[in-house]
């Protein structure tokens, strides 16, 4: 549940936008209090509702955490390492040998 300050979270649900969640829960209000941190890098809201409670307007947003896939690793193939250099060394048209046309009898 979240207090209804603006429509940002509701709009994320309606647009089916991926969002992230970072929450820090502290034990006391002291500066050096023990805490626990929750980090969900990718999630989508699966619903949205609001309720006018006696003290505040409250919105409820159930969500589904998504698998956080790392980017694909870059692959280096030594056989193709010299390939772009070979393209730059193309022969000029004046030095190319043309094949003889076959003659028909």
Protein backbone atom coordinates (compact mmCIF):
# COMPACT_ATOMS: atom_id res chain seq x y z
CA UNK A 1 0.00 0.00 0.00
CA UNK A 2 1.14 3.55 -0.63
CA UNK A 3 -0.26 6.92 0.24
CA UNK A 4 -1.81 8.56 -2.81
CA UNK A 5 0.43 11.57 -3.46
CA UNK A 6 0.27 11.54 -7.26
CA UNK A 7 -0.63 9.29 -10.18
CA UNK A 8 2.89 8.09 -11.11
CA UNK A 9 2.45 4.52 -9.81
CA UNK A 10 -1.06 4.20 -11.24
CA UNK A 11 0.19 5.40 -14.63
CA UNK A 12 3.00 2.82 -14.52
CA UNK A 13 0.36 0.10 -14.00
CA UNK A 14 -1.89 1.39 -16.79
CA UNK A 15 1.03 1.65 -19.25
CA UNK A 16 2.40 -1.77 -18.16
CA UNK A 17 5.75 -0.10 -17.53
CA UNK A 18 8.59 -1.90 -15.77
CA UNK A 19 9.71 -0.10 -12.61
CA UNK A 20 12.21 -0.80 -9.83
CA UNK A 21 11.66 -0.88 -6.09
CA UNK A 22 14.22 0.11 -3.46
CA UNK A 23 13.00 0.03 0.14
CA UNK A 24 14.95 0.61 3.35
CA UNK A 25 13.27 -0.44 6.59
CA UNK A 26 14.87 0.86 9.80
CA UNK A 27 14.53 -0.51 13.32
CA UNK A 28 14.50 2.88 15.08
CA UNK A 29 14.72 6.54 14.10
CA UNK A 30 18.35 6.79 15.29
CA UNK A 31 20.96 7.68 12.65
CA UNK A 32 22.94 4.48 13.34
CA UNK A 33 19.88 2.21 13.50
CA UNK A 34 19.94 -1.32 12.11
CA UNK A 35 18.18 -1.60 8.76
CA UNK A 36 17.28 -3.98 5.98
CA UNK A 37 17.31 -3.07 2.30
CA UNK A 38 15.07 -4.59 -0.39
CA UNK A 39 16.00 -4.07 -4.03
CA UNK A 40 13.82 -5.35 -6.87
CA UNK A 41 15.38 -4.05 -10.10
CA UNK A 42 12.52 -5.08 -12.39
CA UNK A 43 8.84 -5.42 -11.56
CA UNK A 44 5.43 -4.88 -13.13
CA UNK A 45 2.29 -3.96 -11.28
CA UNK A 46 -0.47 -6.57 -11.68
CA UNK A 47 -3.31 -4.47 -10.31
CA UNK A 48 -4.28 -1.13 -8.86
CA UNK A 49 -6.99 0.01 -6.47
CA UNK A 50 -7.57 2.97 -4.19
CA UNK A 51 -9.51 3.34 -0.97
CA UNK A 52 -10.51 6.45 0.94
CA UNK A 53 -9.49 5.43 4.44
CA UNK A 54 -10.44 7.58 7.41
CA UNK A 55 -7.02 9.31 7.48
CA UNK A 56 -5.75 9.22 3.89
CA UNK A 57 -6.41 8.08 0.36
CA UNK A 58 -4.52 4.76 0.00
CA UNK A 59 -3.64 2.94 -3.20
CA UNK A 60 -2.78 -0.75 -3.37
CA UNK A 61 -0.52 -2.04 -6.14
CA UNK A 62 0.21 -5.79 -6.19
CA UNK A 63 3.22 -6.59 -8.35
CA UNK A 64 5.20 -9.38 -9.98
CA UNK A 65 9.01 -9.32 -9.73
CA UNK A 66 10.72 -10.06 -13.06
CA UNK A 67 13.93 -11.95 -13.70
CA UNK A 68 16.83 -9.52 -13.88
CA UNK A 69 18.81 -10.82 -16.86
CA UNK A 70 22.35 -9.47 -17.25
CA UNK A 71 23.34 -8.26 -20.72
CA UNK A 72 24.78 -10.87 -23.05
CA UNK A 73 28.57 -11.13 -22.83
CA UNK A 74 30.63 -9.96 -25.76
CA UNK A 75 32.21 -12.77 -27.73
CA UNK A 76 35.65 -12.43 -29.33
CA UNK A 77 36.37 -14.72 -32.28
CA UNK A 78 40.09 -14.58 -33.23
CA UNK A 79 39.42 -15.83 -36.77
CA UNK A 80 37.49 -12.62 -37.56
CA UNK A 81 39.92 -10.25 -35.83
CA UNK A 82 41.71 -9.33 -39.09
CA UNK A 83 38.54 -9.28 -41.17
CA UNK A 84 37.84 -5.48 -41.14
CA UNK A 85 41.49 -4.79 -42.04
CA UNK A 86 41.19 -7.07 -45.07
CA UNK A 87 38.20 -5.07 -46.28
CA UNK A 88 40.20 -1.82 -46.17
CA UNK A 89 42.92 -3.31 -48.41
CA UNK A 90 40.70 -3.91 -51.43
CA UNK A 91 42.37 -3.65 -54.80
CA UNK A 92 41.68 -0.71 -57.07
CA UNK A 93 39.65 -1.45 -60.24
CA UNK A 94 42.75 -0.84 -62.42
CA UNK A 95 44.64 -3.75 -60.86
CA UNK A 96 41.84 -6.31 -60.94
CA UNK A 97 42.29 -9.15 -63.45
CA UNK A 98 39.21 -9.79 -65.56
CA UNK A 99 38.42 -13.34 -66.60
CA UNK A 100 38.32 -14.09 -70.31
CA UNK A 101 34.90 -14.59 -71.77
CA UNK A 102 34.37 -18.12 -72.99
CA UNK A 103 33.95 -18.47 -76.74
CA UNK A 104 31.09 -20.39 -78.19
CA UNK A 105 31.73 -22.61 -81.20
